[in-house]
Amino acid sequence: MEKLFRIIEITSELAYDIASKEYITHFHDFEELIIVSEGSLTHYIDFNVEVLKASWFSL
């Protein structure tokens, strides 16, 4: 049975590894939930660039 979801922690080492490679344009047939807990990241989706920043606020 296929997993319903998976959690991936993007460490500094993994981020540098991902950034050092070239990727061809592709798409995913699933949804992604990205939670940025500190710093920021650049996410490329649907041919657009989105900069995601950690933001903490209290309700």
N, C-alpha and C. Protein backbone atom coordinates (compact mmCIF):
# COMPACT_ATOMS: atom_id res chain seq x y z
N MET A 1 0.84 -1.19 0.00
CA MET A 1 0.00 0.00 0.00
C MET A 1 0.88 1.25 0.00
N GLU A 2 0.53 2.19 -0.83
CA GLU A 2 1.28 3.43 -0.92
C GLU A 2 1.03 4.28 0.32
N LYS A 3 2.07 4.97 0.79
CA LYS A 3 1.92 5.85 1.94
C LYS A 3 0.99 7.00 1.60
N LEU A 4 0.18 7.42 2.56
CA LEU A 4 -0.72 8.54 2.34
C LEU A 4 0.02 9.86 2.30
N PHE A 5 1.07 9.99 3.09
CA PHE A 5 1.87 11.21 3.08
C PHE A 5 3.25 10.89 3.63
N ARG A 6 4.15 11.82 3.43
CA ARG A 6 5.47 11.68 4.02
C ARG A 6 5.96 13.04 4.47
N ILE A 7 6.77 13.04 5.48
CA ILE A 7 7.33 14.27 6.03
C ILE A 7 8.83 14.25 5.73
N ILE A 8 9.30 15.34 5.15
CA ILE A 8 10.72 15.45 4.81
C ILE A 8 11.25 16.72 5.45
N GLU A 9 12.27 16.57 6.25
CA GLU A 9 12.94 17.73 6.83
C GLU A 9 14.06 18.15 5.89
N ILE A 10 14.02 19.39 5.47
CA ILE A 10 15.05 19.91 4.58
C ILE A 10 16.16 20.51 5.45
N THR A 11 17.22 19.78 5.61
CA THR A 11 18.37 20.26 6.37
C THR A 11 19.23 21.15 5.48
N SER A 12 20.19 21.83 6.06
CA SER A 12 21.10 22.67 5.28
C SER A 12 21.83 21.84 4.24
N GLU A 13 22.27 20.66 4.63
CA GLU A 13 22.99 19.79 3.71
C GLU A 13 22.11 19.38 2.53
N LEU A 14 20.87 19.01 2.81
CA LEU A 14 19.96 18.62 1.73
C LEU A 14 19.63 19.80 0.84
N ALA A 15 19.45 20.98 1.42
CA ALA A 15 19.16 22.18 0.63
C ALA A 15 20.31 22.49 -0.33
N TYR A 16 21.55 22.40 0.16
CA TYR A 16 22.70 22.65 -0.71
C TYR A 16 22.80 21.59 -1.80
N ASP A 17 22.50 20.34 -1.46
CA ASP A 17 22.52 19.26 -2.44
C ASP A 17 21.47 19.50 -3.53
N ILE A 18 20.26 19.88 -3.13
CA ILE A 18 19.19 20.16 -4.09
C ILE A 18 19.57 21.34 -4.98
N ALA A 19 20.12 22.39 -4.38
CA ALA A 19 20.46 23.60 -5.13
C ALA A 19 21.62 23.37 -6.10
N SER A 20 22.44 22.38 -5.84
CA SER A 20 23.61 22.16 -6.69
C SER A 20 23.29 21.36 -7.96
N LYS A 21 22.08 20.85 -8.06
CA LYS A 21 21.70 20.03 -9.21
C LYS A 21 20.82 20.81 -10.18
N GLU A 22 20.85 20.38 -11.43
CA GLU A 22 19.95 20.96 -12.43
C GLU A 22 18.72 20.06 -12.55
N TYR A 23 17.57 20.70 -12.63
CA TYR A 23 16.33 19.94 -12.74
C TYR A 23 15.59 20.37 -14.00
N ILE A 24 14.98 19.41 -14.66
CA ILE A 24 14.13 19.74 -15.79
C ILE A 24 12.74 20.09 -15.26
N THR A 25 12.00 20.84 -16.03
CA THR A 25 10.65 21.21 -15.65
C THR A 25 9.82 19.95 -15.49
N HIS A 26 9.06 19.91 -14.41
CA HIS A 26 8.24 18.74 -14.15
C HIS A 26 7.00 19.16 -13.37
N PHE A 27 6.13 18.24 -13.11
CA PHE A 27 4.95 18.54 -12.31
C PHE A 27 4.71 17.40 -11.34
N HIS A 28 3.92 17.67 -10.34
CA HIS A 28 3.53 16.66 -9.36
C HIS A 28 2.04 16.43 -9.48
N ASP A 29 1.63 15.20 -9.33
CA ASP A 29 0.20 14.90 -9.35
C ASP A 29 -0.33 14.72 -7.92
N PHE A 30 0.23 15.52 -7.03
CA PHE A 30 -0.18 15.49 -5.64
C PHE A 30 -0.04 16.88 -5.05
N GLU A 31 -0.61 17.08 -3.90
CA GLU A 31 -0.53 18.36 -3.21
C GLU A 31 0.70 18.39 -2.31
N GLU A 32 1.23 19.58 -2.07
CA GLU A 32 2.35 19.76 -1.15
C GLU A 32 1.96 20.77 -0.09
N LEU A 33 2.32 20.48 1.12
CA LEU A 33 2.18 21.43 2.22
C LEU A 33 3.59 21.72 2.69
N ILE A 34 3.99 22.98 2.59
CA ILE A 34 5.35 23.37 2.96
C ILE A 34 5.25 24.27 4.19
N ILE A 35 5.93 23.89 5.25
CA ILE A 35 5.96 24.68 6.47
C ILE A 35 7.40 25.14 6.67
N VAL A 36 7.59 26.44 6.68
CA VAL A 36 8.92 27.02 6.88
C VAL A 36 9.00 27.47 8.32
N SER A 37 9.85 26.82 9.11
CA SER A 37 9.94 27.13 10.53
C SER A 37 11.00 28.18 10.85
N GLU A 38 11.97 28.34 9.96
CA GLU A 38 12.96 29.40 10.14
C GLU A 38 13.60 29.72 8.80
N GLY A 39 14.03 30.95 8.64
CA GLY A 39 14.65 31.36 7.39
C GLY A 39 13.65 31.49 6.26
N SER A 40 14.07 31.16 5.06
CA SER A 40 13.20 31.24 3.89
C SER A 40 13.67 30.22 2.86
N LEU A 41 12.83 30.00 1.87
CA LEU A 41 13.20 29.12 0.77
C LEU A 41 12.54 29.62 -0.50
N THR A 42 13.15 29.27 -1.61
CA THR A 42 12.60 29.62 -2.90
C THR A 42 12.01 28.35 -3.50
N HIS A 43 10.74 28.42 -3.85
CA HIS A 43 10.03 27.26 -4.38
C HIS A 43 9.57 27.59 -5.79
N TYR A 44 9.86 26.70 -6.71
CA TYR A 44 9.48 26.88 -8.10
C TYR A 44 8.28 25.98 -8.37
N ILE A 45 7.16 26.58 -8.74
CA ILE A 45 5.95 25.80 -8.99
C ILE A 45 5.15 26.44 -10.11
N ASP A 46 4.64 25.62 -11.00
CA ASP A 46 3.84 26.09 -12.14
C ASP A 46 4.54 27.21 -12.89
N PHE A 47 5.84 27.06 -13.10
CA PHE A 47 6.66 28.02 -13.83
C PHE A 47 6.74 29.39 -13.15
N ASN A 48 6.43 29.45 -11.87
CA ASN A 48 6.53 30.68 -11.09
C ASN A 48 7.48 30.45 -9.92
N VAL A 49 8.07 31.54 -9.45
CA VAL A 49 8.97 31.47 -8.31
C VAL A 49 8.24 32.06 -7.10
N GLU A 50 8.23 31.31 -6.02
CA GLU A 50 7.62 31.78 -4.77
C GLU A 50 8.68 31.74 -3.68
N VAL A 51 8.88 32.85 -3.00
CA VAL A 51 9.77 32.90 -1.86
C VAL A 51 8.92 32.73 -0.60
N LEU A 52 9.18 31.69 0.14
CA LEU A 52 8.43 31.39 1.35
C LEU A 52 9.30 31.74 2.55
N LYS A 53 8.75 32.49 3.48
CA LYS A 53 9.48 32.91 4.67
C LYS A 53 8.78 32.40 5.92
N ALA A 54 9.60 32.08 6.91
CA ALA A 54 9.04 31.67 8.19
C ALA A 54 8.37 32.89 8.83
N SER A 55 7.20 32.68 9.36
CA SER A 55 6.54 33.78 10.08
C SER A 55 5.77 33.16 11.24
N TRP A 56 6.02 33.66 12.36
CA TRP A 56 5.36 33.18 13.58
C TRP A 56 4.55 34.34 14.14
N PHE A 57 3.36 34.05 14.50
CA PHE A 57 2.50 35.07 15.08
C PHE A 57 1.60 34.40 16.11
N SER A 58 1.10 35.20 17.01
CA SER A 58 0.21 34.65 18.03
C SER A 58 -1.21 35.09 17.72
N LEU A 59 -2.14 34.24 18.05
CA LEU A 59 -3.54 34.53 17.82
C LEU A 59 -4.15 35.18 19.04
